[in-house]
């Protein structure tokens, strides 16, 4: 069974103290062709009032979900922090049954987003940042820090898909953005790879994809001051020499892209050795 999560927004507010639309995370089932989502249901037990940017991964045979919890505070604006918890292992995957303490950096104090959780079967870790590469071990509470010289000039790289072990490296798809007009960003999708010692080894020199207005928007851009062109990687599957990556498009659509491992390996270039 292939499962996918996505953010659903535009819901009625539960409280007048929370301005704007609420958002929640929905899980659905996909057919093998990744074309027909069915059995949509809201994941319960998530920290709110808004939940978004969810990623699914497995740890010790139990499905896990990492996501951003957001709350609007009248005197402080939006406060975002990262949550990670275990999902109901009964096959439904529709409720969070256990939350982990994920305080690190400024999480729960100001704004943290886009950590990339992953499991090697025993250890549970997350990529805290890519430049420099900071990987935090949840069990030992110790970070590994690698200051590298990767050449990525399309904005600051941020987390995306939970890393997957493939071709002898942990591989993850990331995003970045550059300001291209007032109140607007253009997003880019890239990939990086690090070894078992948590040292960055490879990075794409050029984007795999770039955000485009040609993909359209679900909302009226003439009345909106915020309509970035987005390609936002969320999840990845590596199977039968093929990569499948789920992406958010223009804050409007869910999409999938597929490509062969050899094509990705031609884009992933060795990172220059730091001094």
Protein backbone atom coordinates (compact mmCIF):
# COMPACT_ATOMS: atom_id res chain seq x y z
CA UNK A 1 0.00 0.00 0.00
CA UNK A 2 1.30 3.44 -0.98
CA UNK A 3 0.17 6.32 1.22
CA UNK A 4 0.47 10.07 0.81
CA UNK A 5 -0.22 13.04 3.06
CA UNK A 6 -1.15 16.55 2.06
CA UNK A 7 -2.22 19.78 3.71
CA UNK A 8 -5.84 20.81 3.37
CA UNK A 9 -6.56 24.45 4.04
CA UNK A 10 -9.42 26.88 3.73
CA UNK A 11 -11.34 25.32 6.61
CA UNK A 12 -13.56 27.32 8.93
CA UNK A 13 -11.85 28.70 12.02
CA UNK A 14 -12.48 26.87 15.26
CA UNK A 15 -11.82 30.04 17.23
CA UNK A 16 -12.14 33.74 16.54
CA UNK A 17 -8.73 34.17 18.17
CA UNK A 18 -7.10 32.46 15.19
CA UNK A 19 -7.19 34.66 12.07
CA UNK A 20 -7.30 33.26 8.57
CA UNK A 21 -8.00 29.75 7.43
CA UNK A 22 -7.07 26.68 9.41
CA UNK A 23 -5.10 23.82 7.92
CA UNK A 24 -4.87 20.15 8.70
CA UNK A 25 -3.09 17.10 7.34
CA UNK A 26 -4.97 14.46 5.37
CA UNK A 27 -3.73 10.96 4.53
CA UNK A 28 -4.89 8.99 1.50
CA UNK A 29 -4.15 5.75 -0.33
CA UNK A 30 -2.64 5.61 -3.83
CA UNK A 31 -2.81 2.97 -6.52
CA UNK A 32 0.41 1.54 -7.98
CA UNK A 33 0.27 4.03 -10.86
CA UNK A 34 0.13 6.91 -8.32
CA UNK A 35 -2.86 8.35 -10.15
CA UNK A 36 -5.96 7.58 -8.05
CA UNK A 37 -5.98 8.81 -4.44
CA UNK A 38 -8.72 7.23 -2.34
CA UNK A 39 -9.80 6.87 1.29
CA UNK A 40 -8.99 10.44 2.35
CA UNK A 41 -9.09 10.97 6.12
CA UNK A 42 -7.81 13.63 8.50
CA UNK A 43 -4.97 12.54 10.78
CA UNK A 44 -6.11 13.09 14.35
CA UNK A 45 -3.98 13.81 17.40
CA UNK A 46 -1.75 16.37 15.69
CA UNK A 47 -0.62 19.54 17.46
CA UNK A 48 -2.44 22.59 16.13
CA UNK A 49 -4.29 24.65 15.58
CA UNK A 50 -2.64 24.47 12.13
CA UNK A 51 -0.66 21.49 10.81
CA UNK A 52 1.28 21.35 7.54
CA UNK A 53 4.40 20.16 5.67
CA UNK A 54 3.93 16.54 6.76
CA UNK A 55 6.42 13.79 5.93
CA UNK A 56 5.94 10.06 6.40
CA UNK A 57 8.72 7.58 7.18
CA UNK A 58 9.21 4.26 8.96
CA UNK A 59 11.15 3.61 12.17
CA UNK A 60 11.51 0.20 13.83
CA UNK A 61 8.59 -1.07 11.75
CA UNK A 62 6.21 1.67 12.93
CA UNK A 63 4.93 4.49 10.67
CA UNK A 64 6.01 7.96 11.76
CA UNK A 65 4.92 11.46 10.81
CA UNK A 66 6.90 14.68 11.06
CA UNK A 67 5.10 17.97 10.52
CA UNK A 68 5.03 21.69 11.27
CA UNK A 69 2.63 22.90 13.95
CA UNK A 70 1.68 26.55 13.58
CA UNK A 71 -0.13 28.93 15.88
CA UNK A 72 -0.97 32.60 15.47
CA UNK A 73 -0.29 34.76 18.52
CA UNK A 74 -1.73 38.23 18.59
CA UNK A 75 1.44 39.94 19.80
CA UNK A 76 4.01 37.67 18.15
CA UNK A 77 2.63 36.67 14.75
CA UNK A 78 3.00 33.10 13.53
CA UNK A 79 4.89 30.67 15.73
CA UNK A 80 5.95 27.44 13.98
CA UNK A 81 7.63 24.43 15.53
CA UNK A 82 8.38 20.87 14.45
CA UNK A 83 6.57 17.83 15.75
CA UNK A 84 7.25 14.13 15.24
CA UNK A 85 5.18 11.22 16.41
CA UNK A 86 4.27 7.60 15.80
CA UNK A 87 1.13 6.79 13.83
CA UNK A 88 -1.38 4.11 14.73
CA UNK A 89 0.26 0.87 13.51
CA UNK A 90 -3.08 -0.83 12.89
CA UNK A 91 -2.98 -0.18 9.15
CA UNK A 92 -5.12 2.95 9.20
CA UNK A 93 -2.25 5.42 9.82
CA UNK A 94 -4.91 8.01 10.65
CA UNK A 95 -3.96 9.10 14.18
CA UNK A 96 -0.87 10.17 16.12
CA UNK A 97 -0.55 7.93 19.16
CA UNK A 98 2.81 9.10 20.53
CA UNK A 99 4.66 12.43 20.33
CA UNK A 100 8.40 12.88 20.76
CA UNK A 101 10.12 15.76 22.50
CA UNK A 102 11.85 17.54 19.64
CA UNK A 103 13.30 20.67 21.26
CA UNK A 104 16.48 21.67 19.45
CA UNK A 105 17.77 24.99 18.18
CA UNK A 106 14.98 27.51 18.65
CA UNK A 107 12.16 25.00 18.20
CA UNK A 108 9.00 25.97 20.15
CA UNK A 109 10.42 29.45 20.79
CA UNK A 110 10.36 31.24 17.44
CA UNK A 111 10.08 29.37 14.13
CA UNK A 112 11.46 26.04 13.00
CA UNK A 113 10.47 24.26 9.80
CA UNK A 114 11.66 21.61 7.38
CA UNK A 115 13.60 19.17 9.47
CA UNK A 116 14.11 15.90 7.57
CA UNK A 117 13.62 12.92 9.90
CA UNK A 118 14.99 9.49 8.98
CA UNK A 119 15.75 6.12 10.51
CA UNK A 120 18.51 3.59 9.89
CA UNK A 121 16.41 0.94 11.61
CA UNK A 122 17.95 1.55 15.03
CA UNK A 123 18.78 5.25 15.34
CA UNK A 124 16.29 8.05 14.79
CA UNK A 125 17.79 11.26 13.42
CA UNK A 126 16.85 14.41 11.57
CA UNK A 127 18.70 16.77 9.24
CA UNK A 128 18.48 20.12 11.01
CA UNK A 129 20.24 22.13 8.32
CA UNK A 130 21.97 21.42 5.03
CA UNK A 131 24.48 24.29 4.86
CA UNK A 132 26.24 23.47 7.11
CA UNK A 133 25.03 19.88 7.34
CA UNK A 134 23.74 19.38 10.89
CA UNK A 135 22.31 15.94 11.69
CA UNK A 136 20.81 15.50 15.15
CA UNK A 137 20.63 12.08 16.80
CA UNK A 138 17.38 11.92 18.76
CA UNK A 139 18.58 9.13 21.05
CA UNK A 140 21.96 10.48 22.15
CA UNK A 141 20.87 14.13 21.78
CA UNK A 142 24.16 14.79 19.95
CA UNK A 143 24.46 16.76 16.70
CA UNK A 144 26.97 16.00 13.91
CA UNK A 145 28.15 19.13 12.10
CA UNK A 146 29.88 19.18 8.72
CA UNK A 147 30.90 22.53 7.21
CA UNK A 148 31.28 21.90 3.51
CA UNK A 149 31.77 23.76 0.23
CA UNK A 150 28.80 22.62 -1.84
CA UNK A 151 28.06 24.88 -4.81
CA UNK A 152 24.35 25.68 -4.74
CA UNK A 153 23.55 29.25 -5.76
CA UNK A 154 19.74 29.11 -5.83
CA UNK A 155 19.13 30.31 -2.28
CA UNK A 156 19.64 28.67 1.09
CA UNK A 157 18.84 24.93 0.85
CA UNK A 158 16.17 23.70 3.24
CA UNK A 159 14.93 20.25 4.13
CA UNK A 160 12.53 18.17 2.11
CA UNK A 161 12.21 14.41 1.88
CA UNK A 162 13.26 11.97 4.61
CA UNK A 163 16.70 10.69 3.52
CA UNK A 164 16.79 7.24 1.90
CA UNK A 165 19.82 4.94 1.80
CA UNK A 166 20.64 4.32 -1.87
CA UNK A 167 23.88 3.67 -3.77
CA UNK A 168 25.87 3.74 -0.52
CA UNK A 169 24.69 7.19 0.61
CA UNK A 170 21.77 8.89 2.32
CA UNK A 171 19.93 10.82 -0.41
CA UNK A 172 17.39 13.56 0.20
CA UNK A 173 15.56 16.05 -2.02
CA UNK A 174 15.58 19.64 -0.81
CA UNK A 175 14.19 23.04 -1.77
CA UNK A 176 15.38 26.63 -1.81
CA UNK A 177 14.05 29.94 -3.11
CA UNK A 178 15.12 33.29 -4.47
CA UNK A 179 13.18 36.54 -4.36
CA UNK A 180 12.03 37.31 -7.88
CA UNK A 181 9.44 40.07 -7.34
CA UNK A 182 7.76 41.94 -4.52
CA UNK A 183 5.99 39.56 -2.12
CA UNK A 184 6.96 36.64 -4.30
CA UNK A 185 9.48 33.80 -4.39
CA UNK A 186 10.62 31.28 -6.97
CA UNK A 187 11.36 27.86 -5.51
CA UNK A 188 13.91 25.32 -6.72
CA UNK A 189 14.23 21.57 -6.15
CA UNK A 190 17.61 19.93 -5.70
CA UNK A 191 19.17 16.88 -4.04
CA UNK A 192 22.11 16.12 -1.78
CA UNK A 193 23.79 12.99 -0.42
CA UNK A 194 25.74 12.30 2.76
CA UNK A 195 27.54 9.26 4.13
CA UNK A 196 27.12 7.16 7.26
CA UNK A 197 29.48 9.52 9.09
CA UNK A 198 27.00 12.37 8.44
CA UNK A 199 29.35 14.18 6.06
CA UNK A 200 28.04 15.74 2.86
CA UNK A 201 29.46 14.01 -0.21
CA UNK A 202 27.36 15.17 -3.19
CA UNK A 203 25.02 17.97 -4.22
CA UNK A 204 23.17 18.81 -7.43
CA UNK A 205 24.83 21.75 -9.20
CA UNK A 206 21.60 22.72 -10.97
CA UNK A 207 17.95 22.44 -9.97
CA UNK A 208 15.98 19.35 -10.87
CA UNK A 209 12.94 21.60 -11.19
CA UNK A 210 12.04 25.28 -10.77
CA UNK A 211 8.72 26.83 -9.80
CA UNK A 212 6.67 28.21 -12.68
CA UNK A 213 3.49 30.27 -13.07
CA UNK A 214 2.61 27.99 -16.00
CA UNK A 215 1.48 25.35 -13.48
CA UNK A 216 -1.29 27.70 -12.34
CA UNK A 217 -2.77 28.55 -8.96
CA UNK A 218 -5.85 27.46 -7.11
CA UNK A 219 -6.49 31.02 -5.91
CA UNK A 220 -6.92 34.41 -7.59
CA UNK A 221 -3.44 35.93 -7.92
CA UNK A 222 -4.78 39.36 -8.86
CA UNK A 223 -6.12 39.84 -5.33
CA UNK A 224 -3.27 38.07 -3.54
CA UNK A 225 0.00 39.65 -2.41
CA UNK A 226 1.53 36.23 -1.74
CA UNK A 227 1.67 33.76 -4.62
CA UNK A 228 5.13 32.21 -4.91
CA UNK A 229 5.92 29.73 -7.66
CA UNK A 230 6.60 26.59 -5.66
CA UNK A 231 8.17 23.16 -6.07
CA UNK A 232 8.31 21.70 -2.59
CA UNK A 233 9.56 18.10 -2.09
CA UNK A 234 7.84 16.12 0.68
CA UNK A 235 8.38 12.38 0.24
CA UNK A 236 10.46 9.99 -1.85
CA UNK A 237 10.38 6.32 -2.80
CA UNK A 238 13.32 4.44 -4.33
CA UNK A 239 12.28 1.19 -5.99
CA UNK A 240 13.44 -0.81 -9.03
CA UNK A 241 16.10 1.78 -9.92
CA UNK A 242 13.46 4.54 -10.05
CA UNK A 243 12.97 7.57 -7.83
CA UNK A 244 9.45 8.83 -7.16
CA UNK A 245 9.23 12.21 -5.41
CA UNK A 246 6.03 13.87 -4.21
CA UNK A 247 5.95 17.65 -4.52
CA UNK A 248 3.73 20.57 -3.62
CA UNK A 249 3.15 22.90 -6.58
CA UNK A 250 2.40 26.63 -6.22
CA UNK A 251 0.67 26.12 -2.85
CA UNK A 252 -2.15 24.67 -4.96
CA UNK A 253 -1.51 21.15 -6.21
CA UNK A 254 0.01 17.80 -5.26
CA UNK A 255 2.31 16.29 -7.86
CA UNK A 256 4.65 13.36 -8.51
CA UNK A 257 7.85 13.22 -10.53
CA UNK A 258 9.80 10.09 -11.50
CA UNK A 259 13.28 9.54 -12.87
CA UNK A 260 15.93 6.83 -13.10
CA UNK A 261 18.73 6.53 -10.56
CA UNK A 262 21.35 6.99 -13.31
CA UNK A 263 19.88 10.37 -14.27
CA UNK A 264 20.00 11.57 -10.66
CA UNK A 265 23.55 10.29 -10.24
CA UNK A 266 24.67 12.40 -13.20
CA UNK A 267 23.28 15.49 -11.45
CA UNK A 268 24.77 14.71 -8.04
CA UNK A 269 28.32 16.03 -8.15
CA UNK A 270 31.07 15.49 -5.55
CA UNK A 271 31.37 18.30 -3.03
CA UNK A 272 34.79 20.02 -2.97
CA UNK A 273 36.86 19.05 0.07
CA UNK A 274 36.87 21.81 2.67
CA UNK A 275 40.11 23.20 3.95
